[in-house]
Amino acid sequence: MVLDTSALLALLLDEPEAEAFRVALEDADTRLVSARPDGRAGNGASTHPTVTDDGRYVAYETLASDLLPGDSGDYADIARADLAGRRVKQVLVSRSRFSGHGNAASQRPVISDAGEFVLFDSLATNLKPSESVRDDANGVRDVFLWNAPTGNVSLESRDSTNGYLHQHSWGPATSSRGNYVPFVSNDLLADENLPGHALTALLDGRITIDAALTPAPEDQPPAFPMIYLRYLGQQ
């Protein structure tokens, strides 16, 4: 169970910001997750926690500037806390090994059961897995996956050419092993035989799409969001 409440802080910590807590039900212990190396609470709000089955890892969204190295606190970041030791270890999730810290707000994390993968959506334009990938210049929200073993991110809301979608994508979820990733997007696929009608598509690791489906034109905004499912293979 993970609590996300500013009222609890006001009573227990005399802090106004909301913080993320891990509650270990087996021993009735409550532990501060969004903690600095000295164990004190961060200096900004931390929200939207998501926890692994064993309670070791908690991913969350934070505006604090003193939890993660090099963080200015100008916009929301995604962090993953490791609660295995006496001190909480924080890792910045919304970053690329090649381009560094995400340059805009990242939100709505969700973590796989083993804690190796964290999904989130972001307005950052510089989150890319390698130098060969171009920056995202279209200004819409995208869905990313952070891989703990590699420490890198990958774009998951992508089109048939593995490029950025033209409309906002957000609200990712994940299966227990992290091999299925559903997300919400306004970038719909239109059936060319039924103009104006949108269809969902099952997207696998190669983003193969039925030949009858073509991307909706950029200048035709969709009427409503749709849900897509991406398969990442065996994890």
Protein backbone atom coordinates (compact mmCIF):
# COMPACT_ATOMS: atom_id res chain seq x y z
CA MET A 1 0.00 0.00 0.00
CA VAL A 2 1.36 3.46 -0.90
CA LEU A 3 -0.02 6.71 0.51
CA ASP A 4 0.05 10.05 -1.29
CA THR A 5 -1.31 12.76 0.97
CA SER A 6 -0.33 16.21 2.19
CA ALA A 7 -2.60 15.90 5.24
CA LEU A 8 -0.47 13.08 6.63
CA LEU A 9 2.63 15.23 6.30
CA ALA A 10 1.02 18.19 7.98
CA LEU A 11 0.30 16.01 11.01
CA LEU A 12 3.47 13.93 11.18
CA LEU A 13 6.26 15.95 9.58
CA ASP A 14 5.00 19.53 9.80
CA GLU A 15 5.73 19.79 6.07
CA PRO A 16 3.21 21.32 3.60
CA GLU A 17 4.25 19.28 0.57
CA ALA A 18 2.72 15.92 -0.31
CA GLU A 19 5.16 13.04 0.05
CA ALA A 20 5.21 9.41 -1.04
CA PHE A 21 5.26 6.76 1.69
CA ARG A 22 5.74 3.03 1.68
CA VAL A 23 3.64 1.15 4.21
CA ALA A 24 5.00 -2.28 5.14
CA LEU A 25 1.87 -4.03 6.32
CA GLU A 26 3.72 -7.03 7.73
CA ASP A 27 5.28 -4.96 10.52
CA ALA A 28 3.01 -1.89 10.50
CA ASP A 29 5.99 0.29 9.60
CA THR A 30 5.66 3.57 7.65
CA ARG A 31 8.73 4.84 5.85
CA LEU A 32 9.46 8.07 3.99
CA VAL A 33 10.21 7.27 0.35
CA SER A 34 10.81 10.73 -1.13
CA ALA A 35 13.76 11.28 1.21
CA ARG A 36 17.10 13.03 0.84
CA PRO A 37 20.33 11.13 1.64
CA ASP A 38 20.13 12.46 5.20
CA GLY A 39 16.65 10.95 5.58
CA ARG A 40 14.74 14.23 5.63
CA ALA A 41 11.85 15.06 3.32
CA GLY A 42 12.50 16.68 -0.05
CA ASN A 43 11.81 20.37 -0.58
CA GLY A 44 8.97 19.92 -3.08
CA ALA A 45 5.83 17.90 -3.68
CA SER A 46 6.18 14.19 -4.51
CA THR A 47 3.08 12.41 -5.86
CA HIS A 48 1.73 9.54 -7.99
CA PRO A 49 3.63 6.65 -6.32
CA THR A 50 3.69 3.16 -7.81
CA VAL A 51 5.24 0.19 -6.00
CA THR A 52 6.65 -3.26 -6.79
CA ASP A 53 5.10 -6.43 -5.38
CA ASP A 54 7.81 -6.86 -2.75
CA GLY A 55 7.76 -3.21 -1.70
CA ARG A 56 11.44 -2.67 -2.49
CA TYR A 57 11.05 -0.12 -5.29
CA VAL A 58 8.73 2.87 -5.49
CA ALA A 59 8.60 5.10 -8.57
CA TYR A 60 7.03 8.52 -8.18
CA GLU A 61 6.71 12.01 -9.62
CA THR A 62 8.53 14.82 -7.83
CA LEU A 63 9.02 18.59 -7.93
CA ALA A 64 11.70 18.47 -5.22
CA SER A 65 15.12 19.79 -6.23
CA ASP A 66 17.16 18.11 -3.47
CA LEU A 67 16.36 14.42 -3.99
CA LEU A 68 18.20 13.79 -7.26
CA PRO A 69 21.69 14.98 -8.32
CA GLY A 70 21.65 17.91 -10.72
CA ASP A 71 17.93 18.52 -10.40
CA SER A 72 16.84 22.16 -10.50
CA GLY A 73 13.23 21.41 -9.54
CA ASP A 74 11.93 23.60 -12.38
CA TYR A 75 9.58 20.85 -13.56
CA ALA A 76 8.34 17.42 -12.52
CA ASP A 77 10.74 14.49 -12.72
CA ILE A 78 10.32 10.74 -12.27
CA ALA A 79 12.40 9.03 -9.59
CA ARG A 80 12.75 5.42 -8.44
CA ALA A 81 13.49 4.82 -4.77
CA ASP A 82 15.23 1.66 -3.56
CA LEU A 83 14.22 0.84 0.03
CA ALA A 84 16.40 -2.24 0.48
CA GLY A 85 18.90 -0.57 2.81
CA ARG A 86 18.68 1.67 5.85
CA ARG A 87 18.93 4.73 3.60
CA VAL A 88 16.69 5.28 0.61
CA LYS A 89 18.59 5.31 -2.69
CA GLN A 90 17.12 7.59 -5.36
CA VAL A 91 17.64 7.19 -9.11
CA LEU A 92 16.53 9.69 -11.75
CA VAL A 93 14.28 7.88 -14.24
CA SER A 94 13.35 10.73 -16.59
CA ARG A 95 16.77 10.99 -18.20
CA SER A 96 18.74 9.68 -21.16
CA ARG A 97 22.26 8.27 -21.00
CA PHE A 98 23.05 10.27 -24.12
CA SER A 99 21.25 13.59 -23.63
CA GLY A 100 20.94 13.81 -19.87
CA HIS A 101 18.11 15.13 -17.72
CA GLY A 102 14.71 15.49 -19.41
CA ASN A 103 14.15 19.15 -20.33
CA ALA A 104 10.40 19.32 -19.51
CA ALA A 105 7.83 17.81 -17.15
CA SER A 106 7.61 14.01 -16.81
CA GLN A 107 4.57 12.53 -15.09
CA ARG A 108 2.35 9.52 -14.27
CA PRO A 109 4.90 6.74 -13.61
CA VAL A 110 4.04 3.06 -13.38
CA ILE A 111 6.55 0.37 -12.37
CA SER A 112 6.79 -3.31 -13.31
CA ASP A 113 6.53 -5.92 -10.55
CA ALA A 114 10.29 -6.56 -10.43
CA GLY A 115 11.11 -2.85 -10.55
CA GLU A 116 13.30 -3.08 -13.67
CA PHE A 117 11.03 -1.00 -15.88
CA VAL A 118 9.28 2.31 -15.25
CA LEU A 119 6.79 3.75 -17.75
CA PHE A 120 5.93 7.45 -17.75
CA ASP A 121 4.75 10.21 -20.05
CA SER A 122 6.72 13.36 -20.74
CA LEU A 123 6.83 16.66 -22.63
CA ALA A 124 10.63 16.49 -22.75
CA THR A 125 12.15 16.79 -26.23
CA ASN A 126 15.57 15.27 -25.47
CA LEU A 127 14.73 11.82 -24.06
CA LYS A 128 16.27 9.48 -26.63
CA PRO A 129 18.06 6.11 -26.41
CA SER A 130 21.03 7.04 -28.63
CA GLU A 131 22.74 9.96 -30.34
CA SER A 132 21.40 8.82 -33.71
CA VAL A 133 17.80 9.52 -32.67
CA ARG A 134 16.62 13.04 -33.47
CA ASP A 135 15.16 15.30 -30.81
CA ASP A 136 11.38 15.47 -30.55
CA ALA A 137 10.35 18.80 -32.06
CA ASN A 138 6.57 18.43 -32.31
CA GLY A 139 5.78 19.57 -28.76
CA VAL A 140 3.38 16.77 -27.81
CA ARG A 141 3.46 14.42 -24.82
CA ASP A 142 5.04 10.98 -25.39
CA VAL A 143 5.28 7.69 -23.46
CA PHE A 144 8.72 6.41 -22.45
CA LEU A 145 10.14 3.30 -20.77
CA TRP A 146 13.11 3.49 -18.42
CA ASN A 147 15.22 0.33 -18.26
CA ALA A 148 17.05 -0.12 -14.94
CA PRO A 149 19.71 -2.60 -16.22
CA THR A 150 20.80 -0.17 -18.96
CA GLY A 151 19.87 3.08 -17.23
CA ASN A 152 18.41 4.33 -20.49
CA VAL A 153 15.01 5.29 -21.91
CA SER A 154 13.11 4.26 -25.03
CA LEU A 155 10.16 5.83 -26.83
CA GLU A 156 7.10 3.55 -26.65
CA SER A 157 4.39 5.73 -28.20
CA ARG A 158 5.73 5.56 -31.75
CA ASP A 159 4.42 5.15 -35.28
CA SER A 160 5.05 2.47 -37.92
CA THR A 161 8.46 4.00 -38.73
CA ASN A 162 9.41 4.16 -35.03
CA GLY A 163 9.00 7.94 -35.15
CA TYR A 164 7.23 10.31 -32.79
CA LEU A 165 3.44 10.46 -32.92
CA HIS A 166 1.77 13.71 -33.95
CA GLN A 167 -0.72 13.90 -31.08
CA HIS A 168 -0.43 13.58 -27.29
CA SER A 169 0.12 10.14 -25.70
CA TRP A 170 -0.07 9.61 -21.94
CA GLY A 171 -1.24 7.43 -19.03
CA PRO A 172 0.89 4.29 -19.55
CA ALA A 173 0.29 1.06 -17.66
CA THR A 174 2.28 -2.18 -17.63
CA SER A 175 1.84 -5.90 -17.22
CA SER A 176 3.57 -7.56 -14.27
CA ARG A 177 6.73 -8.39 -16.27
CA GLY A 178 6.72 -5.17 -18.25
CA ASN A 179 6.27 -6.86 -21.62
CA TYR A 180 2.86 -5.31 -22.43
CA VAL A 181 2.42 -1.54 -22.36
CA PRO A 182 -1.04 -0.01 -22.89
CA PHE A 183 -1.28 3.76 -23.18
CA VAL A 184 -3.74 6.47 -24.19
CA SER A 185 -3.24 8.57 -27.31
CA ASN A 186 -4.98 11.17 -29.43
CA ASP A 187 -2.95 9.97 -32.42
CA LEU A 188 -5.55 7.71 -34.00
CA LEU A 189 -5.38 5.29 -36.90
CA ALA A 190 -8.07 5.91 -39.47
CA ASP A 191 -9.61 3.30 -41.77
CA GLU A 192 -9.21 4.73 -45.28
CA ASN A 193 -12.39 2.93 -46.35
CA LEU A 194 -14.41 4.58 -43.58
CA PRO A 195 -13.42 8.26 -43.56
CA GLY A 196 -13.80 9.91 -40.20
CA HIS A 197 -13.93 6.63 -38.25
CA ALA A 198 -11.05 5.77 -35.93
CA LEU A 199 -9.89 2.27 -35.11
CA THR A 200 -7.63 0.97 -32.37
CA ALA A 201 -4.75 -1.25 -33.38
CA LEU A 202 -2.79 -3.91 -31.54
CA LEU A 203 0.81 -2.75 -31.72
CA ASP A 204 3.54 -5.35 -31.32
CA GLY A 205 7.27 -4.82 -30.85
CA ARG A 206 7.66 -4.00 -34.53
CA ILE A 207 4.56 -1.79 -34.65
CA THR A 208 3.13 -3.80 -37.54
CA ILE A 209 -0.20 -2.39 -38.68
CA ASP A 210 -2.82 -3.89 -40.96
CA ALA A 211 -2.46 -2.59 -44.53
CA ALA A 212 -5.98 -1.16 -44.42
CA LEU A 213 -4.96 1.21 -41.64
CA THR A 214 -3.12 4.46 -42.27
CA PRO A 215 -2.10 7.22 -39.86
CA ALA A 216 -4.68 9.95 -39.47
CA PRO A 217 -3.65 13.25 -41.12
CA GLU A 218 -1.92 15.68 -38.77
CA ASP A 219 -4.40 18.44 -39.60
CA GLN A 220 -7.43 16.39 -38.58
CA PRO A 221 -7.62 16.40 -34.76
CA PRO A 222 -9.22 13.26 -33.33
CA ALA A 223 -12.61 13.43 -31.66
CA PHE A 224 -11.52 11.46 -28.58
CA PRO A 225 -8.55 9.53 -27.13
CA MET A 226 -8.00 5.85 -27.88
CA ILE A 227 -6.11 3.09 -26.08
CA TYR A 228 -3.19 1.29 -27.71
CA LEU A 229 -1.26 -1.79 -26.58
CA ARG A 230 2.42 -2.26 -27.31
CA TYR A 231 4.16 -5.64 -26.96
CA LEU A 232 7.84 -5.43 -26.00
CA GLY A 233 8.66 -9.14 -26.21
CA GLN A 234 9.62 -11.55 -23.42
CA GLN A 235 11.20 -9.75 -20.48
